[in-house]
Amino acid sequence: MKVQSIQERPGRPKPYLVRWTVGGKAFSEGFPTKTQADDLRSRLVIAARDHARWNSKTGYPKAWDASSDLDVAGWCKQYVEQEWTTLTPNSRRSLVESLTLLIDRAASTRAPILTPEQRKQISVWLVPGSDSLAAPLAKWVARWSLSLDELEKSELYRIEKLLRLGVDRKTALSSRTANRHCSTAKRCLTEALAAGALSELEWPEAQSSGAKRTATKRVSWDDTKAINRGQLRTIADAMPNKQPASFMYRVMTIIAGEAGLRPGEVVALNAEDIHFASEGWGHITVMRAWKAAGIYSDADPIGTTKTAVSRTVPMSLWLASELKMWIEMSERFSGPLFLTNGKRPQQSNWTRALKRACTKVNVEPISPYALRHSYASRLSLSGMDPASAAARMGHSVEVYFRCYVKPVGDQTDAGNALLEEMEGWEEN
């Protein structure tokens, strides 16, 4: 990888051109100001110095490729592209075989079982450079493939058991083959956790012969904790630094923590989705999400929300103030609200900025998706009607409680006080 000096082209809309090569292939990107061009060139030089792995299609480090609200099939496709060049032919075949099985088994319990021909099509699709899935199978994936944030403990146990069965879902595979499929699936999802596309992973522990399966250890987001609003403010205030994008990530963090939007929904916001009120609270219209799934293209991968349903989320006075400030600062009065170098911001960069700020203020590092969990938990703690709270999250009441609500700090004393206030409560 080689970075060249910035080329100046007077008279053009973007007169400052950054040029670099990856594996002999030339890439370039133009900017209206020299500061923006210097920023990209510096980041490329740092990535090259740190021996980053490069995406041969985009020319950028693979670490810059973001993931947001991915389904299992989309993440498997991205993971194969990431690992492909480092594997031997036999390892590639093994990886595709195991992840094809994972896609087949990590589907809704109501999903039609894939035919041998459909599984073969998925295997071909997973190989980098392949064509997109045929319409019927693409429709199956879009409808039935579980999203990464749906991989709760119970789902992972179900998937792990299915990975140990043959195509008939009845005959047990050999221990060696089953363990290979399970270890590959776990490695793939662990990488999603590291990339910030998955907020937690409770993969079943290996079961020794004759022994009962023990409780799994949490890998990431601690289910017993959620940040409160004061911590959110502290983290947000610690995010701005000399990097211009840090202010953008600050506002994105406040939106996720103060309105509970999914990371992909934050990234996909347009200025027209923000509705300020002359008095009191305004609201945000949530109707789209960023669906980048590892298929590299110049097209903006914007689709519907995860549930394919639009919703309206109230906007607090603090959030409204921050958004007004951002719109005026960035002059984004229409179109995409958040862009960096002319493209949608990458969740991996947002995750790193958020975790740095958490560390700076001595808060356990969290992911952008965990901000949504914290918002849901604060709604519950406020005493809001569960149906209204679930509507803000864009989910049913059952999913709201099962997947999102966590304790906010130590509520032992508050709980004790409620019990003491109950009618007829007497101390023994």
Protein backbone atom coordinates (compact mmCIF):
# COMPACT_ATOMS: atom_id res chain seq x y z
CA MET A 1 0.00 0.00 0.00
CA LYS A 2 1.38 3.40 -0.97
CA VAL A 3 -0.03 6.88 -0.33
CA GLN A 4 0.93 9.67 -2.73
CA SER A 5 1.06 13.40 -2.12
CA ILE A 6 -2.10 15.46 -2.47
CA GLN A 7 -2.71 16.67 -6.01
CA GLU A 8 -4.18 20.14 -6.51
CA ARG A 9 -6.56 20.73 -9.44
CA PRO A 10 -7.56 24.42 -9.51
CA GLY A 11 -10.98 25.29 -10.86
CA ARG A 12 -12.65 21.99 -9.98
CA PRO A 13 -15.45 21.54 -7.40
CA LYS A 14 -13.16 19.22 -5.43
CA PRO A 15 -9.69 20.55 -6.24
CA TYR A 16 -7.72 18.49 -3.68
CA LEU A 17 -7.21 14.87 -4.74
CA VAL A 18 -5.88 12.16 -2.42
CA ARG A 19 -4.29 9.29 -4.36
CA TRP A 20 -3.10 5.89 -3.13
CA THR A 21 -2.57 2.35 -4.37
CA VAL A 22 -3.42 -1.01 -2.82
CA GLY A 23 -1.80 -4.06 -4.35
CA GLY A 24 -0.99 -2.05 -7.47
CA LYS A 25 -4.58 -0.86 -7.90
CA ALA A 26 -5.02 2.94 -7.93
CA PHE A 27 -7.63 4.75 -5.83
CA SER A 28 -8.44 8.43 -5.37
CA GLU A 29 -10.92 10.71 -3.63
CA GLY A 30 -11.44 14.44 -4.12
CA PHE A 31 -12.24 17.07 -1.47
CA PRO A 32 -13.32 20.72 -1.51
CA THR A 33 -10.75 21.73 1.15
CA LYS A 34 -7.13 20.82 1.76
CA THR A 35 -7.89 20.12 5.45
CA GLN A 36 -10.31 17.34 4.52
CA ALA A 37 -7.81 15.88 2.07
CA ASP A 38 -5.04 16.00 4.68
CA ASP A 39 -7.29 14.21 7.16
CA LEU A 40 -7.93 11.26 4.84
CA ARG A 41 -4.29 11.04 3.76
CA SER A 42 -3.14 11.03 7.40
CA ARG A 43 -5.54 8.24 8.32
CA LEU A 44 -4.41 6.18 5.33
CA VAL A 45 -0.75 6.65 6.27
CA ILE A 46 -1.46 5.61 9.89
CA ALA A 47 -3.36 2.52 8.73
CA ALA A 48 -0.48 1.55 6.42
CA ARG A 49 2.01 2.04 9.23
CA ASP A 50 -0.10 -0.20 11.49
CA HIS A 51 -0.14 -2.93 8.82
CA ALA A 52 -3.90 -2.79 8.36
CA ARG A 53 -5.70 -5.30 6.16
CA TRP A 54 -7.08 -3.62 3.05
CA ASN A 55 -10.31 -3.99 1.12
CA SER A 56 -9.24 -4.44 -2.49
CA LYS A 57 -12.60 -3.19 -3.76
CA THR A 58 -12.89 0.06 -1.81
CA GLY A 59 -9.19 0.74 -1.25
CA TYR A 60 -9.82 1.43 2.43
CA PRO A 61 -8.73 -0.59 5.49
CA LYS A 62 -11.16 -3.40 6.26
CA ALA A 63 -11.53 -1.99 9.76
CA TRP A 64 -13.30 1.00 8.17
CA ASP A 65 -16.02 -1.20 6.72
CA ALA A 66 -18.99 -0.71 9.01
CA SER A 67 -21.76 -3.06 10.00
CA SER A 68 -25.17 -2.01 11.25
CA ASP A 69 -28.34 -3.94 11.98
CA LEU A 70 -27.08 -6.88 9.90
CA ASP A 71 -28.82 -10.20 9.59
CA VAL A 72 -26.90 -13.45 9.99
CA ALA A 73 -26.70 -14.08 6.25
CA GLY A 74 -25.38 -10.57 5.56
CA TRP A 75 -22.75 -10.84 8.26
CA CYS A 76 -21.62 -14.29 7.04
CA LYS A 77 -21.13 -12.81 3.56
CA GLN A 78 -19.07 -9.97 5.00
CA TYR A 79 -17.03 -12.30 7.22
CA VAL A 80 -16.12 -14.59 4.29
CA GLU A 81 -14.93 -11.60 2.25
CA GLN A 82 -12.83 -10.48 5.21
CA GLU A 83 -11.13 -13.85 5.73
CA TRP A 84 -10.94 -15.18 2.18
CA THR A 85 -7.44 -14.12 1.14
CA THR A 86 -5.85 -15.56 4.29
CA LEU A 87 -7.24 -19.09 3.83
CA THR A 88 -6.08 -22.16 1.94
CA PRO A 89 -8.47 -23.74 -0.62
CA ASN A 90 -9.50 -26.47 1.84
CA SER A 91 -10.11 -23.92 4.60
CA ARG A 92 -12.21 -21.83 2.22
CA ARG A 93 -14.41 -24.82 1.37
CA SER A 94 -14.80 -25.65 5.06
CA LEU A 95 -15.69 -22.06 5.94
CA VAL A 96 -18.34 -21.79 3.22
CA GLU A 97 -19.82 -25.17 4.17
CA SER A 98 -20.13 -24.26 7.86
CA LEU A 99 -21.53 -20.77 7.25
CA THR A 100 -24.05 -22.06 4.71
CA LEU A 101 -25.28 -24.36 7.46
CA LEU A 102 -25.31 -21.44 9.92
CA ILE A 103 -27.45 -19.34 7.57
CA ASP A 104 -29.82 -22.27 7.14
CA ARG A 105 -30.13 -22.89 10.90
CA ALA A 106 -30.04 -19.24 12.10
CA ALA A 107 -33.46 -18.54 10.64
CA SER A 108 -36.84 -18.03 12.21
CA THR A 109 -38.51 -21.17 13.51
CA ARG A 110 -41.32 -20.42 11.03
CA ALA A 111 -38.99 -20.31 8.04
CA PRO A 112 -39.43 -22.89 5.26
CA ILE A 113 -36.53 -25.38 5.29
CA LEU A 114 -34.08 -24.74 2.47
CA THR A 115 -33.78 -27.31 -0.30
CA PRO A 116 -30.38 -28.82 -1.26
CA GLU A 117 -30.39 -26.63 -4.37
CA GLN A 118 -31.03 -23.48 -2.32
CA ARG A 119 -28.22 -24.35 0.08
CA LYS A 120 -25.92 -24.78 -2.91
CA GLN A 121 -26.93 -21.32 -4.18
CA ILE A 122 -26.07 -19.81 -0.79
CA SER A 123 -22.66 -21.52 -0.85
CA VAL A 124 -21.94 -20.01 -4.26
CA TRP A 125 -23.15 -16.59 -3.10
CA LEU A 126 -20.84 -16.62 -0.08
CA VAL A 127 -17.75 -16.83 -2.29
CA PRO A 128 -16.34 -13.30 -2.85
CA GLY A 129 -17.10 -11.86 -6.27
CA SER A 130 -20.23 -13.94 -6.80
CA ASP A 131 -23.50 -12.60 -8.16
CA SER A 132 -26.38 -11.67 -5.88
CA LEU A 133 -28.90 -14.28 -4.78
CA ALA A 134 -31.78 -15.17 -7.07
CA ALA A 135 -34.99 -13.33 -6.19
CA PRO A 136 -36.83 -16.18 -4.38
CA LEU A 137 -33.83 -17.01 -2.18
CA ALA A 138 -33.04 -13.35 -1.57
CA LYS A 139 -36.63 -12.95 -0.40
CA TRP A 140 -36.18 -15.94 1.96
CA VAL A 141 -33.05 -14.37 3.46
CA ALA A 142 -34.67 -10.95 3.85
CA ARG A 143 -37.72 -12.39 5.58
CA TRP A 144 -36.38 -15.25 7.66
CA SER A 145 -32.67 -14.71 8.44
CA LEU A 146 -32.39 -13.58 12.06
CA SER A 147 -30.82 -10.20 12.70
CA LEU A 148 -27.68 -10.22 14.81
CA ASP A 149 -29.40 -8.50 17.72
CA GLU A 150 -31.98 -11.32 17.80
CA LEU A 151 -29.29 -13.84 18.73
CA GLU A 152 -30.38 -14.11 22.32
CA LYS A 153 -29.10 -16.90 24.57
CA SER A 154 -32.07 -19.17 23.85
CA GLU A 155 -31.71 -18.69 20.08
CA LEU A 156 -28.00 -19.48 20.20
CA TYR A 157 -28.70 -22.70 22.10
CA ARG A 158 -31.27 -23.69 19.46
CA ILE A 159 -28.90 -22.87 16.60
CA GLU A 160 -26.00 -24.72 18.21
CA LYS A 161 -28.12 -27.86 18.55
CA LEU A 162 -29.24 -27.65 14.91
CA LEU A 163 -25.64 -27.24 13.74
CA ARG A 164 -24.94 -30.67 15.20
CA LEU A 165 -27.59 -32.33 13.03
CA GLY A 166 -27.50 -33.43 9.41
CA VAL A 167 -29.57 -32.01 6.57
CA ASP A 168 -32.62 -33.96 7.75
CA ARG A 169 -32.34 -32.18 11.14
CA LYS A 170 -32.73 -35.54 12.86
CA THR A 171 -29.52 -37.51 12.37
CA ALA A 172 -26.61 -36.43 14.57
CA LEU A 173 -23.39 -35.51 12.77
CA SER A 174 -20.09 -36.99 13.86
CA SER A 175 -18.58 -35.21 16.84
CA ARG A 176 -15.68 -33.92 14.73
CA THR A 177 -17.92 -32.45 12.00
CA ALA A 178 -20.39 -30.96 14.48
CA ASN A 179 -17.60 -29.32 16.49
CA ARG A 180 -16.12 -27.87 13.30
CA HIS A 181 -19.44 -26.30 12.29
CA CYS A 182 -20.03 -24.92 15.80
CA SER A 183 -16.52 -23.50 16.23
CA THR A 184 -16.71 -21.81 12.82
CA ALA A 185 -20.10 -20.27 13.66
CA LYS A 186 -18.83 -19.07 17.03
CA ARG A 187 -15.69 -17.57 15.46
CA CYS A 188 -17.80 -15.76 12.85
CA LEU A 189 -20.14 -14.27 15.48
CA THR A 190 -17.27 -13.39 17.81
CA GLU A 191 -15.83 -11.30 14.99
CA ALA A 192 -19.21 -9.55 14.70
CA LEU A 193 -18.96 -8.77 18.41
CA ALA A 194 -15.46 -7.32 17.98
CA ALA A 195 -16.63 -5.20 15.02
CA GLY A 196 -19.48 -3.69 17.05
CA ALA A 197 -22.19 -5.32 14.89
CA LEU A 198 -23.25 -7.50 17.82
CA SER A 199 -23.75 -6.13 21.33
CA GLU A 200 -23.31 -9.41 23.21
CA LEU A 201 -22.68 -13.10 22.57
CA GLU A 202 -23.72 -15.95 24.85
CA TRP A 203 -22.59 -18.91 22.78
CA PRO A 204 -23.14 -22.24 24.56
CA GLU A 205 -20.03 -23.57 26.26
CA ALA A 206 -18.58 -26.84 25.04
CA GLN A 207 -20.16 -29.76 26.84
CA SER A 208 -17.83 -32.44 28.14
CA SER A 209 -19.03 -36.04 28.05
CA GLY A 210 -21.33 -36.90 30.94
CA ALA A 211 -21.34 -33.34 32.24
CA LYS A 212 -24.16 -30.84 32.20
CA ARG A 213 -23.76 -27.67 30.23
CA THR A 214 -22.75 -24.83 32.54
CA ALA A 215 -23.89 -21.23 32.34
CA THR A 216 -22.08 -19.21 29.69
CA LYS A 217 -20.07 -16.13 30.44
CA ARG A 218 -21.03 -12.85 28.88
CA VAL A 219 -18.57 -11.65 26.30
CA SER A 220 -19.53 -8.04 25.97
CA TRP A 221 -22.43 -5.88 27.17
CA ASP A 222 -23.12 -6.63 30.83
CA ASP A 223 -26.79 -7.51 31.17
CA THR A 224 -26.90 -6.11 34.69
CA LYS A 225 -25.95 -2.56 33.74
CA ALA A 226 -27.29 0.35 31.73
CA ILE A 227 -26.04 3.91 31.72
CA ASN A 228 -28.24 6.66 33.13
CA ARG A 229 -28.85 10.05 31.55
CA GLY A 230 -26.13 11.76 33.56
CA GLN A 231 -23.57 9.23 32.33
CA LEU A 232 -24.81 9.73 28.78
CA ARG A 233 -24.17 13.47 29.08
CA THR A 234 -20.71 12.88 30.55
CA ILE A 235 -19.76 10.44 27.78
CA ALA A 236 -21.10 12.76 25.07
CA ASP A 237 -19.17 15.73 26.43
CA ALA A 238 -15.96 13.66 26.41
CA MET A 239 -16.24 12.73 22.72
CA PRO A 240 -15.24 15.94 20.87
CA ASN A 241 -11.53 16.25 20.05
CA LYS A 242 -9.38 17.66 17.27
CA GLN A 243 -10.98 15.31 14.74
CA PRO A 244 -13.96 17.01 12.99
CA ALA A 245 -15.91 13.72 12.90
CA SER A 246 -15.81 13.49 16.70
CA PHE A 247 -18.55 16.15 16.94
CA MET A 248 -20.69 14.10 14.55
CA TYR A 249 -20.23 10.93 16.62
CA ARG A 250 -21.17 12.94 19.73
CA VAL A 251 -24.53 13.90 18.23
CA MET A 252 -25.11 10.36 16.95
CA THR A 253 -24.44 9.05 20.46
CA ILE A 254 -26.95 11.46 21.99
CA ILE A 255 -29.61 10.41 19.46
CA ALA A 256 -29.09 6.70 20.19
CA GLY A 257 -29.05 7.26 23.97
CA GLU A 258 -31.79 9.90 24.17
CA ALA A 259 -34.22 8.54 21.55
CA GLY A 260 -33.33 4.83 21.41
CA LEU A 261 -32.71 4.60 17.67
CA ARG A 262 -30.78 1.62 16.32
CA PRO A 263 -27.28 2.53 15.05
CA GLY A 264 -28.37 1.90 11.47
CA GLU A 265 -31.37 4.18 11.93
CA VAL A 266 -29.16 6.96 13.28
CA VAL A 267 -26.79 6.68 10.32
CA ALA A 268 -29.70 6.80 7.84
CA LEU A 269 -31.36 9.93 9.25
CA ASN A 270 -32.08 12.82 6.90
CA ALA A 271 -32.53 16.44 7.97
CA GLU A 272 -36.17 16.19 6.87
CA ASP A 273 -36.76 13.50 9.53
CA ILE A 274 -36.13 16.00 12.34
CA HIS A 275 -39.19 17.96 13.42
CA PHE A 276 -38.58 20.78 15.88
CA ALA A 277 -41.41 22.25 17.94
CA SER A 278 -41.87 25.93 18.78
CA GLU A 279 -42.58 24.84 22.36
CA GLY A 280 -41.96 21.58 24.16
CA TRP A 281 -40.73 18.36 22.63
CA GLY A 282 -40.33 17.79 18.91
CA HIS A 283 -40.09 14.38 17.28
CA ILE A 284 -38.01 12.25 14.91
CA THR A 285 -39.58 10.23 12.10
CA VAL A 286 -37.78 6.89 11.80
CA MET A 287 -38.49 5.28 8.44
CA ARG A 288 -35.18 3.91 7.12
CA ALA A 289 -31.98 2.19 8.21
CA TRP A 290 -28.51 1.64 6.81
CA LYS A 291 -28.30 -1.95 5.57
CA ALA A 292 -24.60 -2.32 4.66
CA ALA A 293 -23.96 -6.04 4.63
CA GLY A 294 -20.49 -6.48 3.23
CA ILE A 295 -21.46 -6.13 -0.43
CA TYR A 296 -19.21 -3.28 -1.48
CA SER A 297 -20.85 -0.82 -3.82
CA ASP A 298 -21.00 2.90 -4.50
CA ALA A 299 -24.76 2.71 -3.93
CA ASP A 300 -26.09 3.99 -0.61
CA PRO A 301 -27.36 0.82 1.14
CA ILE A 302 -30.46 2.39 2.67
CA GLY A 303 -33.52 0.25 3.33
CA THR A 304 -36.48 0.08 5.66
CA THR A 305 -36.20 -0.26 9.42
CA LYS A 306 -35.62 -3.71 10.87
CA THR A 307 -39.36 -4.25 11.38
CA ALA A 308 -40.21 -2.53 8.04
CA VAL A 309 -42.49 -0.16 9.98
CA SER A 310 -41.99 3.59 10.39
CA ARG A 311 -42.37 5.13 13.83
CA THR A 312 -42.33 8.52 15.53
CA VAL A 313 -40.00 9.04 18.49
CA PRO A 314 -40.36 12.08 20.78
CA MET A 315 -37.32 14.35 20.88
CA SER A 316 -36.30 15.81 24.25
CA LEU A 317 -35.30 19.46 24.65
CA TRP A 318 -31.65 18.46 25.13
CA LEU A 319 -31.63 16.34 21.99
CA ALA A 320 -33.40 19.07 20.01
CA SER A 321 -30.81 21.61 21.13
CA GLU A 322 -27.94 19.35 20.09
CA LEU A 323 -29.49 18.61 16.70
CA LYS A 324 -30.10 22.30 15.98
CA MET A 325 -26.48 23.02 16.81
CA TRP A 326 -25.26 20.17 14.56
CA ILE A 327 -27.44 21.19 11.60
CA GLU A 328 -26.17 24.76 11.79
CA MET A 329 -22.55 23.68 12.28
CA SER A 330 -22.57 21.15 9.43
CA GLU A 331 -25.01 23.14 7.24
CA ARG A 332 -26.95 19.95 6.56
CA PHE A 333 -30.38 21.50 6.09
CA SER A 334 -31.56 18.74 3.76
CA GLY A 335 -30.54 15.23 2.78
CA PRO A 336 -28.32 12.93 4.88
CA LEU A 337 -27.78 14.33 8.36
CA PHE A 338 -24.46 12.54 8.89
CA LEU A 339 -21.72 12.21 6.29
CA THR A 340 -17.95 11.86 6.49
CA ASN A 341 -15.90 12.33 3.36
CA GLY A 342 -19.16 12.33 1.42
CA LYS A 343 -20.21 8.90 2.70
CA ARG A 344 -22.32 7.56 5.53
CA PRO A 345 -20.27 7.27 8.74
CA GLN A 346 -18.96 3.83 9.60
CA GLN A 347 -20.22 2.18 12.76
CA SER A 348 -16.77 0.77 13.54
CA ASN A 349 -15.38 4.32 13.79
CA TRP A 350 -18.37 5.39 15.90
CA THR A 351 -17.81 2.42 18.21
CA ARG A 352 -14.15 3.32 18.72
CA ALA A 353 -14.98 6.98 19.44
CA LEU A 354 -17.66 5.96 21.94
CA LYS A 355 -15.43 3.51 23.76
CA ARG A 356 -12.58 6.05 23.98
CA ALA A 357 -14.95 8.55 25.58
CA CYS A 358 -16.23 5.93 28.05
CA THR A 359 -12.69 5.09 29.09
CA LYS A 360 -11.87 8.77 29.49
CA VAL A 361 -14.70 9.29 32.01
CA ASN A 362 -14.28 5.92 33.78
CA VAL A 363 -17.48 4.34 32.47
CA GLU A 364 -17.40 0.72 31.36
CA PRO A 365 -17.10 0.88 27.52
CA ILE A 366 -20.33 0.24 25.66
CA SER A 367 -21.35 -0.11 22.02
CA PRO A 368 -23.73 2.17 20.07
CA TYR A 369 -26.42 -0.53 20.25
CA ALA A 370 -26.11 -0.66 24.05
CA LEU A 371 -27.26 2.99 24.10
CA ARG A 372 -30.60 1.76 22.77
CA HIS A 373 -30.80 -0.79 25.60
CA SER A 374 -30.09 1.97 28.12
CA TYR A 375 -32.83 4.17 26.68
CA ALA A 376 -35.35 1.31 26.94
CA SER A 377 -34.28 0.68 30.53
CA ARG A 378 -34.76 4.34 31.46
CA LEU A 379 -38.25 4.30 29.91
CA SER A 380 -39.14 1.36 32.14
CA LEU A 381 -37.61 3.01 35.22
CA SER A 382 -39.64 6.18 34.57
CA GLY A 383 -42.88 4.25 35.05
CA MET A 384 -44.07 4.91 31.49
CA ASP A 385 -46.92 2.77 30.20
CA PRO A 386 -45.22 -0.34 28.67
CA ALA A 387 -47.22 -0.10 25.44
CA SER A 388 -46.09 3.51 24.92
CA ALA A 389 -42.48 2.63 25.75
CA ALA A 390 -42.52 -0.33 23.35
CA ALA A 391 -43.94 1.91 20.60
CA ARG A 392 -40.97 4.26 20.96
CA MET A 393 -38.65 1.28 20.53
CA GLY A 394 -40.56 -0.01 17.50
CA HIS A 395 -41.26 -3.40 19.11
CA SER A 396 -44.00 -5.32 20.87
CA VAL A 397 -44.31 -5.11 24.65
CA GLU A 398 -43.07 -8.71 24.93
CA VAL A 399 -39.89 -8.03 22.93
CA TYR A 400 -39.39 -4.74 24.77
CA PHE A 401 -39.20 -6.48 28.14
CA ARG A 402 -37.47 -9.67 26.97
CA CYS A 403 -34.70 -8.09 24.93
CA TYR A 404 -34.15 -4.50 26.02
CA VAL A 405 -34.99 -3.61 29.60
CA LYS A 406 -31.98 -3.79 31.96
CA PRO A 407 -31.47 -2.42 35.50
CA VAL A 408 -30.13 1.14 35.55
CA GLY A 409 -27.57 1.27 38.33
CA ASP A 410 -28.32 -0.10 41.81
CA GLN A 411 -32.06 0.20 42.40
CA THR A 412 -32.11 -1.77 45.67
CA ASP A 413 -32.85 1.22 47.91
CA ALA A 414 -35.48 2.58 45.52
CA GLY A 415 -37.16 -0.83 45.42
CA ASN A 416 -37.12 -1.07 49.20
CA ALA A 417 -38.74 2.37 49.47
CA LEU A 418 -41.54 1.34 47.10
CA LEU A 419 -42.26 -1.74 49.19
CA GLU A 420 -42.37 0.33 52.38
CA GLU A 421 -44.90 2.70 50.80
CA MET A 422 -47.24 -0.10 49.72
CA GLU A 423 -50.54 -0.18 51.55
CA GLY A 424 -50.45 -2.69 54.37
CA TRP A 425 -46.67 -3.15 54.29
CA GLU A 426 -45.44 -3.84 57.79
CA GLU A 427 -41.98 -4.54 59.07
CA ASN A 428 -41.56 -7.84 60.92
